[in-house]
């Protein structure tokens, strides 16, 4: 019997923390200085209450990366949101989209489907009845663009059979 894999649990918890921090940052003037971001992260009540060092570390990576790339994330949201302006998108949905787009576009260790599924879980937990469909629609559009090679510098595929790291599963399915 193997020990339970705690990385998935700590990553989900880390994503939730990252979402909460990014959501909170949406209520203050945009902070771009790394020191101010680190203080905002450390002083967030959800982060202060978290007992998992792994989750906090993962959340910190996501928050710092997503805030650093926020202008790019907002541009991608605008391109894939059927003419919704960033200012009209709810703060919950916007925080989820920024976080998941950072994972999709800049984290090679996070597959497309994982980023999308985790975003949908966040939308279910923190959004309203329309959040899930809205977030899924935009992320699905981005995922298709990534899969088709239309997002420069992102080498990911939607279909696991094309994933280089998953050859054994693809071969077993044949």
Protein backbone atom coordinates (compact mmCIF):
# COMPACT_ATOMS: atom_id res chain seq x y z
CA UNK A 1 0.00 0.00 0.00
CA UNK A 2 1.35 3.41 -0.96
CA UNK A 3 1.07 6.59 1.06
CA UNK A 4 -1.73 8.91 -0.05
CA UNK A 5 -0.70 11.59 -2.51
CA UNK A 6 -1.05 14.83 -0.61
CA UNK A 7 0.16 16.98 -3.52
CA UNK A 8 -3.24 17.10 -5.19
CA UNK A 9 -4.91 18.13 -1.96
CA UNK A 10 -2.31 20.76 -1.18
CA UNK A 11 -2.47 22.05 -4.77
CA UNK A 12 -6.25 22.39 -4.63
CA UNK A 13 -5.92 24.13 -1.28
CA UNK A 14 -3.18 26.33 -2.75
CA UNK A 15 -5.37 27.26 -5.71
CA UNK A 16 -8.16 28.20 -3.35
CA UNK A 17 -5.79 30.40 -1.34
CA UNK A 18 -4.42 31.96 -4.54
CA UNK A 19 -7.96 32.66 -5.76
CA UNK A 20 -8.86 34.32 -2.44
CA UNK A 21 -5.78 36.54 -2.54
CA UNK A 22 -6.25 37.49 -6.21
CA UNK A 23 -9.94 38.17 -5.52
CA UNK A 24 -8.99 40.41 -2.58
CA UNK A 25 -6.49 42.30 -4.70
CA UNK A 26 -9.37 43.23 -7.00
CA UNK A 27 -10.66 45.62 -4.34
CA UNK A 28 -7.48 47.67 -3.95
CA UNK A 29 -5.60 49.75 -6.48
CA UNK A 30 -3.43 47.48 -8.59
CA UNK A 31 -0.32 46.56 -6.66
CA UNK A 32 2.59 45.72 -8.89
CA UNK A 33 5.52 46.06 -6.50
CA UNK A 34 6.62 42.58 -5.37
CA UNK A 35 7.07 43.62 -1.73
CA UNK A 36 3.52 44.97 -1.51
CA UNK A 37 2.18 41.82 -3.14
CA UNK A 38 4.09 39.60 -0.73
CA UNK A 39 2.73 41.57 2.24
CA UNK A 40 -0.83 41.40 0.87
CA UNK A 41 -0.40 37.66 0.41
CA UNK A 42 1.06 37.05 3.87
CA UNK A 43 -1.60 39.22 5.56
CA UNK A 44 -4.54 37.54 3.86
CA UNK A 45 -6.63 35.82 6.57
CA UNK A 46 -7.01 32.63 4.51
CA UNK A 47 -3.22 32.37 4.14
CA UNK A 48 -2.66 33.14 7.82
CA UNK A 49 -5.09 30.35 8.79
CA UNK A 50 -3.66 27.74 6.41
CA UNK A 51 -1.72 24.96 8.10
CA UNK A 52 -0.18 23.47 4.95
CA UNK A 53 3.20 24.93 4.04
CA UNK A 54 2.95 23.20 0.63
CA UNK A 55 -0.39 24.86 -0.10
CA UNK A 56 0.89 28.29 0.95
CA UNK A 57 4.03 27.91 -1.16
CA UNK A 58 2.05 26.81 -4.23
CA UNK A 59 -0.45 29.64 -3.69
CA UNK A 60 2.37 32.17 -3.43
CA UNK A 61 3.84 30.98 -6.75
CA UNK A 62 0.43 31.29 -8.41
CA UNK A 63 -0.36 34.73 -6.98
CA UNK A 64 3.04 36.20 -7.84
CA UNK A 65 2.95 34.73 -11.34
CA UNK A 66 -0.64 35.70 -12.07
CA UNK A 67 -0.22 39.27 -10.84
CA UNK A 68 2.99 39.66 -12.80
CA UNK A 69 1.17 38.56 -15.97
CA UNK A 70 -2.15 40.28 -15.23
CA UNK A 71 -2.12 42.55 -18.28
CA UNK A 72 -1.53 39.54 -20.52
CA UNK A 73 -4.28 37.55 -18.76
CA UNK A 74 -6.73 40.44 -19.19
CA UNK A 75 -5.88 40.71 -22.89
CA UNK A 76 -6.51 36.97 -23.36
CA UNK A 77 -9.80 37.22 -21.44
CA UNK A 78 -10.85 40.09 -23.69
CA UNK A 79 -9.99 38.11 -26.82
CA UNK A 80 -12.02 35.08 -25.73
CA UNK A 81 -14.97 36.60 -23.90
CA UNK A 82 -17.23 37.62 -26.78
CA UNK A 83 -16.75 41.36 -26.33
CA UNK A 84 -17.10 41.47 -22.55
CA UNK A 85 -15.00 44.27 -21.14
CA UNK A 86 -12.89 43.40 -18.12
CA UNK A 87 -14.80 45.97 -16.03
CA UNK A 88 -18.09 44.15 -16.67
CA UNK A 89 -16.85 40.74 -15.55
CA UNK A 90 -17.65 39.87 -11.95
CA UNK A 91 -14.72 39.97 -9.54
CA UNK A 92 -15.11 36.27 -8.65
CA UNK A 93 -15.06 35.17 -12.27
CA UNK A 94 -12.23 37.55 -13.13
CA UNK A 95 -10.04 36.24 -10.29
CA UNK A 96 -10.72 32.64 -11.34
CA UNK A 97 -9.96 33.40 -14.99
CA UNK A 98 -6.72 35.22 -14.20
CA UNK A 99 -5.54 32.37 -12.00
CA UNK A 100 -6.44 29.60 -14.46
CA UNK A 101 -5.06 31.44 -17.46
CA UNK A 102 -1.77 31.83 -15.64
CA UNK A 103 -1.76 28.08 -15.06
CA UNK A 104 -2.67 27.37 -18.69
CA UNK A 105 -0.25 29.78 -20.31
CA UNK A 106 2.72 29.78 -17.94
CA UNK A 107 2.78 26.59 -15.86
CA UNK A 108 4.13 23.65 -17.86
CA UNK A 109 3.47 21.34 -14.89
CA UNK A 110 -0.30 21.90 -15.04
CA UNK A 111 -2.21 20.23 -17.90
CA UNK A 112 -4.96 22.15 -19.70
CA UNK A 113 -7.75 19.92 -18.40
CA UNK A 114 -6.54 20.22 -14.81
CA UNK A 115 -6.46 24.03 -14.96
CA UNK A 116 -9.97 24.12 -16.45
CA UNK A 117 -11.43 21.56 -14.02
CA UNK A 118 -9.93 23.36 -11.03
CA UNK A 119 -11.31 26.69 -12.30
CA UNK A 120 -14.78 25.16 -12.61
CA UNK A 121 -14.52 23.84 -9.05
CA UNK A 122 -13.61 27.34 -7.84
CA UNK A 123 -16.55 28.79 -9.79
CA UNK A 124 -18.90 26.23 -8.22
CA UNK A 125 -17.64 27.04 -4.74
CA UNK A 126 -17.36 30.82 -4.92
CA UNK A 127 -19.49 31.99 -7.85
CA UNK A 128 -23.18 32.13 -8.61
CA UNK A 129 -25.24 29.83 -10.83
CA UNK A 130 -23.84 31.46 -14.00
CA UNK A 131 -20.17 31.51 -13.00
CA UNK A 132 -19.36 27.95 -13.98
CA UNK A 133 -20.69 28.29 -17.53
CA UNK A 134 -19.05 31.69 -18.04
CA UNK A 135 -15.63 30.55 -16.80
CA UNK A 136 -15.86 27.27 -18.71
CA UNK A 137 -16.79 29.06 -21.95
CA UNK A 138 -13.81 31.38 -21.87
CA UNK A 139 -11.33 28.72 -20.76
CA UNK A 140 -12.62 26.26 -23.36
CA UNK A 141 -12.03 28.87 -26.06
CA UNK A 142 -8.50 29.50 -24.77
CA UNK A 143 -7.82 25.75 -24.52
CA UNK A 144 -8.85 25.24 -28.15
CA UNK A 145 -6.51 28.08 -29.19
CA UNK A 146 -3.66 26.52 -27.18
CA UNK A 147 -4.39 23.05 -28.56
CA UNK A 148 -4.35 24.40 -32.12
CA UNK A 149 -1.05 26.22 -31.55
CA UNK A 150 -2.56 29.71 -31.78
CA UNK A 151 -1.10 30.83 -28.42
CA UNK A 152 2.59 31.41 -28.99
CA UNK A 153 4.99 29.78 -26.57
CA UNK A 154 2.43 27.39 -25.03
CA UNK A 155 3.02 23.73 -25.82
CA UNK A 156 0.06 21.87 -24.36
CA UNK A 157 -2.64 19.64 -25.80
CA UNK A 158 -6.22 19.02 -24.69
CA UNK A 159 -6.17 15.37 -25.71
CA UNK A 160 -4.07 13.36 -23.24
CA UNK A 161 -3.04 10.95 -26.03
CA UNK A 162 -0.84 13.71 -27.42
CA UNK A 163 0.80 14.44 -24.09
CA UNK A 164 4.42 13.29 -24.15
CA UNK A 165 4.33 12.40 -20.44
CA UNK A 166 1.28 10.18 -20.79
CA UNK A 167 2.37 7.74 -23.49
CA UNK A 168 1.76 4.66 -21.35
CA UNK A 169 -1.92 5.52 -20.86
CA UNK A 170 -2.36 6.30 -24.54
CA UNK A 171 -0.72 3.01 -25.52
CA UNK A 172 -2.83 1.06 -23.03
CA UNK A 173 -6.01 2.60 -24.43
CA UNK A 174 -5.30 1.36 -27.98
